[in-house]
Amino acid sequence: MSGVGVKRLLNEYRELEKEQWEPGSWFRAYPLEEDLFEWHFTLKGPDGTPFEGGFYHGKILFPSEYPLKPPDIVMLTPNGRFETGQRICLSISSFHEETWQPSWSIRSMLLGLCSMFPCKAEGVGALNCDPEVQRRLARASLNFHCRQCHFSLSSFENQEKVVSYRSSIDEYGSSGFMKMFHRLSVRVVLTILFIALGILFMLFC
């Protein structure tokens, strides 16, 4: 786990926190309480498209090298544009490390993903469903529930959820680095111990 990545994700969360809870916000994005490098998000379907009125849930899986390397993006809500449960091929995802820019943020990723909904489907994880199917799935998305983060449509408007995540993030920010370095120290000590035992074994055998 990179200290740079931890700091970047903590900063991004704090930057997104205010905007995403403003009235009329088009997205929600937050890390899992037990894993800062896995974020879940929800997007409102773009107006004037078959996705209008839908709420689309997914997750972003950040590598330990973030922001130097791009994340994986996975949709979880059936939507008729992207397959669910598998990585999506986008210029902002791990499929295209050559086009990735470390300056891109979670917000810019979500904007890019949202803009792709009404576009022609191409690449891995893309679907070309009939618009009527997409409209039906948009209506069905209102009943979606994420078993992992427990997202539902009611929680999209529930500001109490942000209090829980704020306390978790603040706790991680104050103690996360110490926990991370403690884990690294234990690994280093164990590695040195195994190497020393290996050398002793070779000397006396």
N, C-alpha and C. Protein backbone atom coordinates (compact mmCIF):
# COMPACT_ATOMS: atom_id res chain seq x y z
N MET A 1 0.85 -1.19 0.00
CA MET A 1 0.00 0.00 0.00
C MET A 1 0.88 1.24 0.00
N SER A 2 0.69 2.10 -0.97
CA SER A 2 1.52 3.28 -1.12
C SER A 2 1.05 4.41 -0.23
N GLY A 3 2.02 5.04 0.49
CA GLY A 3 1.67 6.20 1.30
C GLY A 3 1.17 7.34 0.44
N VAL A 4 1.72 7.45 -0.78
CA VAL A 4 1.27 8.48 -1.72
C VAL A 4 -0.18 8.23 -2.11
N GLY A 5 -0.50 6.96 -2.38
CA GLY A 5 -1.87 6.61 -2.76
C GLY A 5 -2.85 6.87 -1.64
N VAL A 6 -2.47 6.53 -0.42
CA VAL A 6 -3.34 6.77 0.74
C VAL A 6 -3.63 8.26 0.88
N LYS A 7 -2.59 9.06 0.82
CA LYS A 7 -2.76 10.51 0.97
C LYS A 7 -3.64 11.08 -0.13
N ARG A 8 -3.42 10.62 -1.36
CA ARG A 8 -4.20 11.11 -2.50
C ARG A 8 -5.68 10.76 -2.34
N LEU A 9 -5.98 9.53 -1.96
CA LEU A 9 -7.37 9.11 -1.82
C LEU A 9 -8.07 9.82 -0.67
N LEU A 10 -7.35 10.04 0.42
CA LEU A 10 -7.93 10.80 1.53
C LEU A 10 -8.27 12.22 1.10
N ASN A 11 -7.36 12.84 0.36
CA ASN A 11 -7.61 14.20 -0.12
C ASN A 11 -8.79 14.24 -1.09
N GLU A 12 -8.87 13.24 -1.97
CA GLU A 12 -9.96 13.21 -2.94
C GLU A 12 -11.30 13.04 -2.23
N TYR A 13 -11.32 12.21 -1.20
CA TYR A 13 -12.57 12.02 -0.48
C TYR A 13 -13.04 13.34 0.13
N ARG A 14 -12.13 14.06 0.74
CA ARG A 14 -12.49 15.33 1.38
C ARG A 14 -12.96 16.35 0.34
N GLU A 15 -12.36 16.33 -0.85
CA GLU A 15 -12.77 17.25 -1.90
C GLU A 15 -14.16 16.91 -2.44
N LEU A 16 -14.46 15.62 -2.52
CA LEU A 16 -15.75 15.18 -3.07
C LEU A 16 -16.88 15.29 -2.06
N GLU A 17 -16.54 15.26 -0.78
CA GLU A 17 -17.55 15.13 0.27
C GLU A 17 -18.60 16.22 0.19
N LYS A 18 -18.18 17.47 0.04
CA LYS A 18 -19.14 18.57 0.04
C LYS A 18 -19.99 18.55 -1.22
N GLU A 19 -19.34 18.39 -2.39
CA GLU A 19 -20.07 18.47 -3.66
C GLU A 19 -21.13 17.38 -3.79
N GLN A 20 -20.79 16.16 -3.37
CA GLN A 20 -21.71 15.07 -3.63
C GLN A 20 -22.96 15.10 -2.75
N TRP A 21 -22.94 15.90 -1.69
CA TRP A 21 -24.12 15.99 -0.84
C TRP A 21 -24.89 17.29 -1.06
N GLU A 22 -24.51 18.06 -2.07
CA GLU A 22 -25.28 19.24 -2.41
C GLU A 22 -26.58 18.82 -3.10
N PRO A 23 -27.66 19.59 -2.95
CA PRO A 23 -28.93 19.25 -3.61
C PRO A 23 -28.75 19.13 -5.12
N GLY A 24 -29.30 18.06 -5.68
CA GLY A 24 -29.21 17.86 -7.12
C GLY A 24 -27.92 17.22 -7.60
N SER A 25 -27.08 16.77 -6.67
CA SER A 25 -25.82 16.15 -7.07
C SER A 25 -26.08 14.92 -7.93
N TRP A 26 -25.21 14.69 -8.91
CA TRP A 26 -25.40 13.61 -9.87
C TRP A 26 -24.63 12.34 -9.51
N PHE A 27 -23.94 12.35 -8.38
CA PHE A 27 -23.13 11.17 -8.04
C PHE A 27 -22.98 11.02 -6.53
N ARG A 28 -22.57 9.82 -6.14
CA ARG A 28 -22.06 9.52 -4.80
C ARG A 28 -20.80 8.70 -5.00
N ALA A 29 -19.80 8.91 -4.16
CA ALA A 29 -18.56 8.14 -4.25
C ALA A 29 -17.91 8.09 -2.88
N TYR A 30 -17.55 6.91 -2.45
CA TYR A 30 -16.97 6.75 -1.12
C TYR A 30 -16.19 5.43 -1.05
N PRO A 31 -15.14 5.38 -0.22
CA PRO A 31 -14.40 4.13 -0.06
C PRO A 31 -15.12 3.20 0.91
N LEU A 32 -14.84 1.92 0.79
CA LEU A 32 -15.34 0.99 1.79
C LEU A 32 -14.67 1.30 3.12
N GLU A 33 -15.38 1.10 4.19
CA GLU A 33 -14.83 1.43 5.50
C GLU A 33 -13.62 0.58 5.83
N GLU A 34 -13.56 -0.64 5.27
CA GLU A 34 -12.44 -1.53 5.59
C GLU A 34 -11.34 -1.51 4.54
N ASP A 35 -11.53 -0.76 3.44
CA ASP A 35 -10.53 -0.76 2.37
C ASP A 35 -10.56 0.57 1.63
N LEU A 36 -9.58 1.42 1.89
CA LEU A 36 -9.53 2.73 1.26
C LEU A 36 -9.31 2.64 -0.24
N PHE A 37 -8.79 1.51 -0.73
CA PHE A 37 -8.46 1.37 -2.14
C PHE A 37 -9.60 0.76 -2.96
N GLU A 38 -10.74 0.53 -2.34
CA GLU A 38 -11.93 0.12 -3.08
C GLU A 38 -13.04 1.14 -2.81
N TRP A 39 -13.46 1.82 -3.86
CA TRP A 39 -14.51 2.83 -3.76
C TRP A 39 -15.76 2.35 -4.47
N HIS A 40 -16.91 2.69 -3.91
CA HIS A 40 -18.19 2.44 -4.58
C HIS A 40 -18.78 3.78 -4.99
N PHE A 41 -19.47 3.77 -6.11
CA PHE A 41 -20.05 5.01 -6.63
C PHE A 41 -21.44 4.74 -7.18
N THR A 42 -22.21 5.80 -7.29
CA THR A 42 -23.53 5.75 -7.92
C THR A 42 -23.68 6.98 -8.80
N LEU A 43 -24.13 6.76 -10.03
CA LEU A 43 -24.32 7.85 -10.98
C LEU A 43 -25.80 7.96 -11.35
N LYS A 44 -26.27 9.19 -11.49
CA LYS A 44 -27.59 9.40 -12.06
C LYS A 44 -27.49 9.27 -13.57
N GLY A 45 -28.48 8.60 -14.18
CA GLY A 45 -28.48 8.46 -15.63
C GLY A 45 -28.57 9.81 -16.31
N PRO A 46 -27.82 10.02 -17.41
CA PRO A 46 -27.83 11.31 -18.11
C PRO A 46 -29.23 11.67 -18.62
N ASP A 47 -29.61 12.93 -18.45
CA ASP A 47 -30.90 13.41 -18.94
C ASP A 47 -30.97 13.32 -20.47
N GLY A 48 -32.18 13.10 -20.97
CA GLY A 48 -32.38 13.06 -22.41
C GLY A 48 -31.88 11.79 -23.07
N THR A 49 -31.61 10.76 -22.28
CA THR A 49 -31.14 9.48 -22.80
C THR A 49 -32.03 8.37 -22.24
N PRO A 50 -31.93 7.15 -22.78
CA PRO A 50 -32.71 6.04 -22.21
C PRO A 50 -32.35 5.73 -20.76
N PHE A 51 -31.24 6.30 -20.28
CA PHE A 51 -30.79 6.03 -18.91
C PHE A 51 -31.34 7.05 -17.92
N GLU A 52 -32.04 8.06 -18.41
CA GLU A 52 -32.59 9.10 -17.54
C GLU A 52 -33.51 8.48 -16.49
N GLY A 53 -33.34 8.93 -15.26
CA GLY A 53 -34.15 8.41 -14.16
C GLY A 53 -33.55 7.20 -13.47
N GLY A 54 -32.49 6.64 -14.07
CA GLY A 54 -31.84 5.48 -13.46
C GLY A 54 -30.72 5.89 -12.52
N PHE A 55 -30.37 4.97 -11.63
CA PHE A 55 -29.25 5.17 -10.70
C PHE A 55 -28.34 3.95 -10.85
N TYR A 56 -27.09 4.21 -11.21
CA TYR A 56 -26.19 3.12 -11.60
C TYR A 56 -25.01 3.02 -10.64
N HIS A 57 -24.92 1.86 -10.02
CA HIS A 57 -23.94 1.62 -8.97
C HIS A 57 -22.77 0.81 -9.52
N GLY A 58 -21.57 1.12 -9.04
CA GLY A 58 -20.38 0.39 -9.47
C GLY A 58 -19.26 0.57 -8.47
N LYS A 59 -18.08 0.08 -8.83
CA LYS A 59 -16.94 0.21 -7.93
C LYS A 59 -15.67 0.53 -8.71
N ILE A 60 -14.76 1.20 -8.03
CA ILE A 60 -13.44 1.53 -8.58
C ILE A 60 -12.41 0.84 -7.70
N LEU A 61 -11.56 0.03 -8.33
CA LEU A 61 -10.53 -0.71 -7.61
C LEU A 61 -9.18 -0.08 -7.92
N PHE A 62 -8.62 0.60 -6.93
CA PHE A 62 -7.37 1.33 -7.13
C PHE A 62 -6.17 0.42 -6.87
N PRO A 63 -5.15 0.49 -7.73
CA PRO A 63 -3.93 -0.27 -7.46
C PRO A 63 -3.12 0.41 -6.37
N SER A 64 -2.19 -0.31 -5.78
CA SER A 64 -1.36 0.28 -4.73
C SER A 64 -0.49 1.40 -5.29
N GLU A 65 -0.29 1.41 -6.62
CA GLU A 65 0.55 2.44 -7.24
C GLU A 65 -0.22 3.70 -7.61
N TYR A 66 -1.52 3.75 -7.33
CA TYR A 66 -2.31 4.94 -7.64
C TYR A 66 -1.71 6.16 -6.94
N PRO A 67 -1.62 7.31 -7.60
CA PRO A 67 -2.21 7.68 -8.90
C PRO A 67 -1.29 7.47 -10.11
N LEU A 68 -0.17 6.79 -9.93
CA LEU A 68 0.73 6.57 -11.07
C LEU A 68 0.16 5.55 -12.04
N LYS A 69 -0.70 4.66 -11.56
CA LYS A 69 -1.35 3.67 -12.42
C LYS A 69 -2.86 3.80 -12.29
N PRO A 70 -3.60 3.49 -13.38
CA PRO A 70 -5.06 3.67 -13.37
C PRO A 70 -5.78 2.54 -12.64
N PRO A 71 -7.02 2.79 -12.25
CA PRO A 71 -7.81 1.78 -11.54
C PRO A 71 -8.61 0.89 -12.48
N ASP A 72 -9.23 -0.12 -11.91
CA ASP A 72 -10.24 -0.92 -12.61
C ASP A 72 -11.61 -0.33 -12.27
N ILE A 73 -12.49 -0.32 -13.26
CA ILE A 73 -13.86 0.18 -13.06
C ILE A 73 -14.83 -0.95 -13.38
N VAL A 74 -15.74 -1.21 -12.47
CA VAL A 74 -16.70 -2.31 -12.61
C VAL A 74 -18.10 -1.79 -12.32
N MET A 75 -19.04 -2.04 -13.22
CA MET A 75 -20.44 -1.70 -12.98
C MET A 75 -21.13 -2.86 -12.27
N LEU A 76 -22.03 -2.52 -11.36
CA LEU A 76 -22.76 -3.54 -10.60
C LEU A 76 -24.25 -3.54 -10.91
N THR A 77 -24.81 -2.39 -11.28
CA THR A 77 -26.22 -2.31 -11.62
C THR A 77 -26.44 -2.66 -13.09
N PRO A 78 -27.31 -3.62 -13.41
CA PRO A 78 -27.63 -3.90 -14.82
C PRO A 78 -28.13 -2.62 -15.49
N ASN A 79 -27.58 -2.31 -16.67
CA ASN A 79 -27.87 -1.00 -17.27
C ASN A 79 -28.06 -1.02 -18.78
N GLY A 80 -27.64 -2.08 -19.46
CA GLY A 80 -27.81 -2.15 -20.90
C GLY A 80 -26.75 -1.42 -21.69
N ARG A 81 -25.76 -0.87 -21.03
CA ARG A 81 -24.65 -0.18 -21.71
C ARG A 81 -23.31 -0.82 -21.39
N PHE A 82 -23.14 -1.23 -20.13
CA PHE A 82 -21.91 -1.91 -19.71
C PHE A 82 -22.28 -3.24 -19.05
N GLU A 83 -21.45 -4.23 -19.27
CA GLU A 83 -21.65 -5.50 -18.58
C GLU A 83 -21.39 -5.29 -17.09
N THR A 84 -22.00 -6.12 -16.28
CA THR A 84 -21.82 -6.01 -14.83
C THR A 84 -20.86 -7.07 -14.34
N GLY A 85 -20.14 -6.72 -13.26
CA GLY A 85 -19.26 -7.69 -12.62
C GLY A 85 -17.95 -7.93 -13.32
N GLN A 86 -17.61 -7.13 -14.31
CA GLN A 86 -16.31 -7.29 -14.96
C GLN A 86 -15.71 -5.93 -15.28
N ARG A 87 -14.41 -5.91 -15.47
CA ARG A 87 -13.71 -4.66 -15.74
C ARG A 87 -14.16 -4.06 -17.07
N ILE A 88 -14.27 -2.74 -17.08
CA ILE A 88 -14.70 -2.01 -18.28
C ILE A 88 -13.48 -1.42 -18.97
N CYS A 89 -13.47 -1.54 -20.29
CA CYS A 89 -12.37 -0.97 -21.07
C CYS A 89 -12.67 0.49 -21.38
N LEU A 90 -11.97 1.38 -20.70
CA LEU A 90 -12.09 2.82 -20.92
C LEU A 90 -10.69 3.43 -20.92
N SER A 91 -10.57 4.62 -21.48
CA SER A 91 -9.27 5.30 -21.50
C SER A 91 -8.83 5.70 -20.10
N ILE A 92 -9.78 5.70 -19.15
CA ILE A 92 -9.47 6.08 -17.76
C ILE A 92 -9.30 4.85 -16.87
N SER A 93 -9.27 3.66 -17.47
CA SER A 93 -9.17 2.44 -16.68
C SER A 93 -7.85 1.72 -16.95
N SER A 94 -7.64 0.61 -16.26
CA SER A 94 -6.38 -0.12 -16.35
C SER A 94 -6.15 -0.75 -17.72
N PHE A 95 -7.18 -0.76 -18.57
CA PHE A 95 -7.00 -1.30 -19.92
C PHE A 95 -6.08 -0.42 -20.76
N HIS A 96 -5.96 0.84 -20.37
CA HIS A 96 -5.17 1.78 -21.18
C HIS A 96 -4.22 2.57 -20.29
N GLU A 97 -3.22 1.88 -19.77
CA GLU A 97 -2.23 2.57 -18.94
C GLU A 97 -1.48 3.63 -19.74
N GLU A 98 -1.39 3.43 -21.07
CA GLU A 98 -0.63 4.37 -21.89
C GLU A 98 -1.31 5.74 -22.00
N THR A 99 -2.61 5.79 -21.77
CA THR A 99 -3.32 7.07 -21.86
C THR A 99 -3.62 7.68 -20.49
N TRP A 100 -3.31 6.95 -19.44
CA TRP A 100 -3.64 7.41 -18.09
C TRP A 100 -2.81 8.63 -17.70
N GLN A 101 -3.47 9.58 -17.03
CA GLN A 101 -2.81 10.77 -16.51
C GLN A 101 -2.98 10.81 -14.99
N PRO A 102 -1.89 10.85 -14.22
CA PRO A 102 -2.00 10.88 -12.75
C PRO A 102 -2.80 12.06 -12.22
N SER A 103 -2.94 13.10 -13.03
CA SER A 103 -3.71 14.27 -12.58
C SER A 103 -5.22 14.01 -12.61
N TRP A 104 -5.65 12.95 -13.29
CA TRP A 104 -7.07 12.65 -13.33
C TRP A 104 -7.55 12.23 -11.95
N SER A 105 -8.71 12.71 -11.59
CA SER A 105 -9.26 12.46 -10.26
C SER A 105 -10.44 11.50 -10.33
N ILE A 106 -10.94 11.11 -9.17
CA ILE A 106 -12.12 10.26 -9.12
C ILE A 106 -13.30 10.98 -9.77
N ARG A 107 -13.41 12.27 -9.53
CA ARG A 107 -14.50 13.04 -10.13
C ARG A 107 -14.42 13.01 -11.66
N SER A 108 -13.21 13.19 -12.20
CA SER A 108 -13.07 13.18 -13.65
C SER A 108 -13.34 11.78 -14.22
N MET A 109 -13.01 10.73 -13.45
CA MET A 109 -13.33 9.37 -13.89
C MET A 109 -14.84 9.19 -13.99
N LEU A 110 -15.55 9.66 -12.96
CA LEU A 110 -17.01 9.50 -12.95
C LEU A 110 -17.66 10.32 -14.05
N LEU A 111 -17.14 11.51 -14.30
CA LEU A 111 -17.65 12.33 -15.40
C LEU A 111 -17.44 11.61 -16.74
N GLY A 112 -16.24 11.05 -16.91
CA GLY A 112 -15.95 10.33 -18.14
C GLY A 112 -16.85 9.12 -18.32
N LEU A 113 -17.06 8.38 -17.24
CA LEU A 113 -17.91 7.20 -17.31
C LEU A 113 -19.35 7.59 -17.64
N CYS A 114 -19.84 8.63 -16.98
CA CYS A 114 -21.21 9.09 -17.21
C CYS A 114 -21.41 9.53 -18.66
N SER A 115 -20.39 10.19 -19.22
CA SER A 115 -20.50 10.67 -20.60
C SER A 115 -20.51 9.53 -21.61
N MET A 116 -20.02 8.34 -21.20
CA MET A 116 -19.97 7.20 -22.11
C MET A 116 -21.30 6.47 -22.22
N PHE A 117 -22.21 6.70 -21.29
CA PHE A 117 -23.48 5.97 -21.32
C PHE A 117 -24.23 6.11 -22.64
N PRO A 118 -24.41 7.33 -23.18
CA PRO A 118 -25.17 7.45 -24.43
C PRO A 118 -24.33 7.22 -25.69
N CYS A 119 -23.04 6.92 -25.54
CA CYS A 119 -22.17 6.74 -26.71
C CYS A 119 -22.28 5.32 -27.27
N LYS A 120 -21.82 5.16 -28.51
CA LYS A 120 -21.80 3.85 -29.14
C LYS A 120 -20.91 2.91 -28.34
N ALA A 121 -21.41 1.71 -28.08
CA ALA A 121 -20.69 0.75 -27.24
C ALA A 121 -19.55 0.11 -28.01
N GLU A 122 -18.35 0.21 -27.46
CA GLU A 122 -17.17 -0.42 -28.05
C GLU A 122 -16.25 -0.88 -26.93
N GLY A 123 -15.47 -1.93 -27.20
CA GLY A 123 -14.47 -2.38 -26.24
C GLY A 123 -14.99 -3.44 -25.28
N VAL A 124 -14.07 -3.93 -24.45
CA VAL A 124 -14.39 -4.97 -23.48
C VAL A 124 -15.38 -4.45 -22.44
N GLY A 125 -16.41 -5.22 -22.18
CA GLY A 125 -17.41 -4.83 -21.19
C GLY A 125 -18.51 -3.95 -21.72
N ALA A 126 -18.52 -3.67 -23.04
CA ALA A 126 -19.54 -2.80 -23.62
C ALA A 126 -20.74 -3.62 -24.09
N LEU A 127 -21.92 -3.01 -24.01
CA LEU A 127 -23.16 -3.64 -24.48
C LEU A 127 -23.89 -2.67 -25.41
N ASN A 128 -24.58 -3.24 -26.40
CA ASN A 128 -25.39 -2.44 -27.31
C ASN A 128 -26.84 -2.91 -27.23
N CYS A 129 -27.48 -2.63 -26.13
CA CYS A 129 -28.86 -3.06 -25.93
C CYS A 129 -29.83 -2.08 -26.58
N ASP A 130 -31.02 -2.58 -26.88
CA ASP A 130 -32.07 -1.74 -27.43
C ASP A 130 -32.44 -0.65 -26.42
N PRO A 131 -32.73 0.58 -26.88
CA PRO A 131 -33.08 1.67 -25.96
C PRO A 131 -34.24 1.33 -25.03
N GLU A 132 -35.20 0.54 -25.51
CA GLU A 132 -36.31 0.18 -24.64
C GLU A 132 -35.85 -0.71 -23.49
N VAL A 133 -34.88 -1.58 -23.77
CA VAL A 133 -34.30 -2.42 -22.71
C VAL A 133 -33.57 -1.53 -21.70
N GLN A 134 -32.86 -0.53 -22.20
CA GLN A 134 -32.14 0.39 -21.32
C GLN A 134 -33.11 1.18 -20.44
N ARG A 135 -34.26 1.57 -21.00
CA ARG A 135 -35.26 2.30 -20.20
C ARG A 135 -35.85 1.38 -19.12
N ARG A 136 -36.10 0.14 -19.49
CA ARG A 136 -36.64 -0.81 -18.51
C ARG A 136 -35.64 -1.04 -17.38
N LEU A 137 -34.35 -1.16 -17.74
CA LEU A 137 -33.32 -1.35 -16.72
C LEU A 137 -33.14 -0.10 -15.86
N ALA A 138 -33.36 1.08 -16.46
CA ALA A 138 -33.29 2.32 -15.68
C ALA A 138 -34.36 2.32 -14.59
N ARG A 139 -35.55 1.87 -14.93
CA ARG A 139 -36.62 1.79 -13.93
C ARG A 139 -36.29 0.73 -12.87
N ALA A 140 -35.75 -0.39 -13.33
CA ALA A 140 -35.41 -1.47 -12.39
C ALA A 140 -34.27 -1.08 -11.46
N SER A 141 -33.41 -0.15 -11.90
CA SER A 141 -32.25 0.23 -11.09
C SER A 141 -32.66 0.89 -9.77
N LEU A 142 -33.89 1.39 -9.71
CA LEU A 142 -34.36 2.04 -8.49
C LEU A 142 -34.47 1.06 -7.33
N ASN A 143 -34.51 -0.23 -7.65
CA ASN A 143 -34.63 -1.25 -6.62
C ASN A 143 -33.31 -1.95 -6.33
N PHE A 144 -32.22 -1.46 -6.93
CA PHE A 144 -30.93 -2.13 -6.75
C PHE A 144 -30.41 -1.96 -5.32
N HIS A 145 -29.83 -3.03 -4.81
CA HIS A 145 -29.20 -3.00 -3.48
C HIS A 145 -27.84 -3.66 -3.57
N CYS A 146 -26.81 -2.97 -3.11
CA CYS A 146 -25.45 -3.52 -3.12
C CYS A 146 -25.21 -4.28 -1.82
N ARG A 147 -24.92 -5.56 -1.93
CA ARG A 147 -24.71 -6.37 -0.74
C ARG A 147 -23.41 -6.04 -0.03
N GLN A 148 -22.47 -5.45 -0.77
CA GLN A 148 -21.16 -5.18 -0.18
C GLN A 148 -21.15 -3.89 0.63
N CYS A 149 -21.65 -2.80 0.04
CA CYS A 149 -21.65 -1.51 0.76
C CYS A 149 -23.04 -1.12 1.25
N HIS A 150 -24.04 -1.96 0.90
CA HIS A 150 -25.43 -1.76 1.34
C HIS A 150 -26.07 -0.52 0.74
N PHE A 151 -25.60 -0.12 -0.44
CA PHE A 151 -26.24 1.00 -1.12
C PHE A 151 -27.64 0.63 -1.56
N SER A 152 -28.54 1.59 -1.45
CA SER A 152 -29.87 1.51 -2.05
C SER A 152 -30.27 2.92 -2.42
N LEU A 153 -31.34 3.07 -3.17
CA LEU A 153 -31.76 4.40 -3.61
C LEU A 153 -32.02 5.31 -2.42
N SER A 154 -32.58 4.77 -1.34
CA SER A 154 -32.86 5.60 -0.17
C SER A 154 -31.58 6.18 0.42
N SER A 155 -30.48 5.41 0.36
CA SER A 155 -29.22 5.91 0.93
C SER A 155 -28.59 6.98 0.05
N PHE A 156 -29.01 7.06 -1.23
CA PHE A 156 -28.48 8.10 -2.11
C PHE A 156 -28.85 9.48 -1.58
N GLU A 157 -30.02 9.58 -0.98
CA GLU A 157 -30.48 10.86 -0.44
C GLU A 157 -30.28 10.98 1.06
N ASN A 158 -29.68 9.96 1.67
CA ASN A 158 -29.55 9.94 3.13
C ASN A 158 -28.21 10.51 3.56
N GLN A 159 -28.20 11.72 4.10
CA GLN A 159 -26.95 12.36 4.47
C GLN A 159 -26.36 11.78 5.75
N GLU A 160 -27.11 10.95 6.46
CA GLU A 160 -26.56 10.35 7.67
C GLU A 160 -25.39 9.43 7.32
N LYS A 161 -25.43 8.88 6.10
CA LYS A 161 -24.38 7.95 5.70
C LYS A 161 -23.02 8.63 5.67
N VAL A 162 -23.01 9.91 5.28
CA VAL A 162 -21.73 10.60 5.16
C VAL A 162 -21.07 10.79 6.52
N VAL A 163 -21.86 10.86 7.59
CA VAL A 163 -21.29 11.00 8.92
C VAL A 163 -20.46 9.78 9.28
N SER A 164 -20.99 8.60 8.96
CA SER A 164 -20.27 7.36 9.22
C SER A 164 -18.97 7.31 8.44
N TYR A 165 -19.02 7.68 7.16
CA TYR A 165 -17.81 7.62 6.35
C TYR A 165 -16.82 8.70 6.76
N ARG A 166 -17.31 9.87 7.17
CA ARG A 166 -16.40 10.93 7.59
C ARG A 166 -15.58 10.48 8.79
N SER A 167 -16.25 9.86 9.76
CA SER A 167 -15.53 9.41 10.95
C SER A 167 -14.53 8.32 10.60
N SER A 168 -14.92 7.43 9.66
CA SER A 168 -14.00 6.37 9.25
C SER A 168 -12.78 6.93 8.55
N ILE A 169 -13.01 7.91 7.67
CA ILE A 169 -11.90 8.52 6.93
C ILE A 169 -10.98 9.29 7.86
N ASP A 170 -11.57 10.04 8.80
CA ASP A 170 -10.74 10.78 9.75
C ASP A 170 -9.89 9.84 10.58
N GLU A 171 -10.50 8.72 10.99
CA GLU A 171 -9.75 7.74 11.78
C GLU A 171 -8.62 7.15 10.96
N TYR A 172 -8.92 6.85 9.68
CA TYR A 172 -7.88 6.29 8.82
C TYR A 172 -6.77 7.30 8.60
N GLY A 173 -7.16 8.57 8.41
CA GLY A 173 -6.16 9.59 8.16
C GLY A 173 -5.21 9.77 9.32
N SER A 174 -5.71 9.62 10.54
CA SER A 174 -4.87 9.83 11.71
C SER A 174 -4.04 8.62 12.08
N SER A 175 -4.56 7.43 11.75
CA SER A 175 -3.84 6.22 12.18
C SER A 175 -3.42 5.33 11.03
N GLY A 176 -3.91 5.62 9.82
CA GLY A 176 -3.66 4.73 8.69
C GLY A 176 -2.19 4.56 8.37
N PHE A 177 -1.44 5.65 8.42
CA PHE A 177 -0.02 5.56 8.09
C PHE A 177 0.72 4.71 9.11
N MET A 178 0.38 4.88 10.39
CA MET A 178 1.05 4.08 11.42
C MET A 178 0.73 2.60 11.24
N LYS A 179 -0.54 2.29 10.93
CA LYS A 179 -0.92 0.89 10.71
C LYS A 179 -0.17 0.33 9.51
N MET A 180 -0.09 1.14 8.44
CA MET A 180 0.56 0.68 7.23
C MET A 180 2.03 0.38 7.48
N PHE A 181 2.72 1.32 8.15
CA PHE A 181 4.14 1.12 8.39
C PHE A 181 4.39 -0.01 9.39
N HIS A 182 3.45 -0.20 10.31
CA HIS A 182 3.58 -1.32 11.24
C HIS A 182 3.54 -2.64 10.48
N ARG A 183 2.58 -2.75 9.53
CA ARG A 183 2.48 -3.98 8.75
C ARG A 183 3.73 -4.20 7.92
N LEU A 184 4.25 -3.10 7.33
CA LEU A 184 5.46 -3.22 6.53
C LEU A 184 6.64 -3.65 7.38
N SER A 185 6.74 -3.10 8.61
CA SER A 185 7.85 -3.43 9.50
C SER A 185 7.81 -4.91 9.87
N VAL A 186 6.63 -5.42 10.16
CA VAL A 186 6.50 -6.84 10.50
C VAL A 186 6.95 -7.70 9.33
N ARG A 187 6.55 -7.33 8.11
CA ARG A 187 6.94 -8.10 6.93
C ARG A 187 8.45 -8.08 6.73
N VAL A 188 9.06 -6.91 6.93
CA VAL A 188 10.51 -6.80 6.76
C VAL A 188 11.24 -7.67 7.77
N VAL A 189 10.80 -7.62 9.04
CA VAL A 189 11.44 -8.43 10.08
C VAL A 189 11.32 -9.91 9.77
N LEU A 190 10.14 -10.34 9.35
CA LEU A 190 9.94 -11.76 9.03
C LEU A 190 10.80 -12.18 7.84
N THR A 191 10.90 -11.30 6.84
CA THR A 191 11.72 -11.61 5.68
C THR A 191 13.18 -11.78 6.07
N ILE A 192 13.70 -10.86 6.89
CA ILE A 192 15.09 -10.94 7.34
C ILE A 192 15.31 -12.21 8.16
N LEU A 193 14.32 -12.55 9.00
CA LEU A 193 14.43 -13.74 9.83
C LEU A 193 14.52 -15.00 8.98
N PHE A 194 13.66 -15.09 7.95
CA PHE A 194 13.68 -16.27 7.08
C PHE A 194 14.99 -16.37 6.31
N ILE A 195 15.52 -15.22 5.87
CA ILE A 195 16.79 -15.22 5.15
C ILE A 195 17.91 -15.70 6.07
N ALA A 196 17.92 -15.20 7.32
CA ALA A 196 18.95 -15.60 8.28
C ALA A 196 18.88 -17.09 8.57
N LEU A 197 17.66 -17.59 8.75
CA LEU A 197 17.50 -19.03 9.00
C LEU A 197 17.98 -19.85 7.82
N GLY A 198 17.72 -19.34 6.60
CA GLY A 198 18.17 -20.05 5.41
C GLY A 198 19.68 -20.11 5.32
N ILE A 199 20.34 -19.00 5.67
CA ILE A 199 21.80 -18.96 5.65
C ILE A 199 22.38 -19.92 6.69
N LEU A 200 21.81 -19.92 7.90
CA LEU A 200 22.27 -20.83 8.95
C LEU A 200 22.08 -22.28 8.54
N PHE A 201 20.96 -22.56 7.89
CA PHE A 201 20.68 -23.93 7.45
C PHE A 201 21.74 -24.40 6.46
N MET A 202 22.12 -23.50 5.51
CA MET A 202 23.12 -23.87 4.51
C MET A 202 24.50 -24.04 5.14
N LEU A 203 24.82 -23.24 6.17
CA LEU A 203 26.13 -23.32 6.80
C LEU A 203 26.33 -24.60 7.59
N PHE A 204 25.27 -25.08 8.21
CA PHE A 204 25.40 -26.23 9.11
C PHE A 204 24.91 -27.53 8.50
N CYS A 205 24.54 -27.50 7.23
CA CYS A 205 24.09 -28.74 6.58
C CYS A 205 25.16 -29.27 5.63
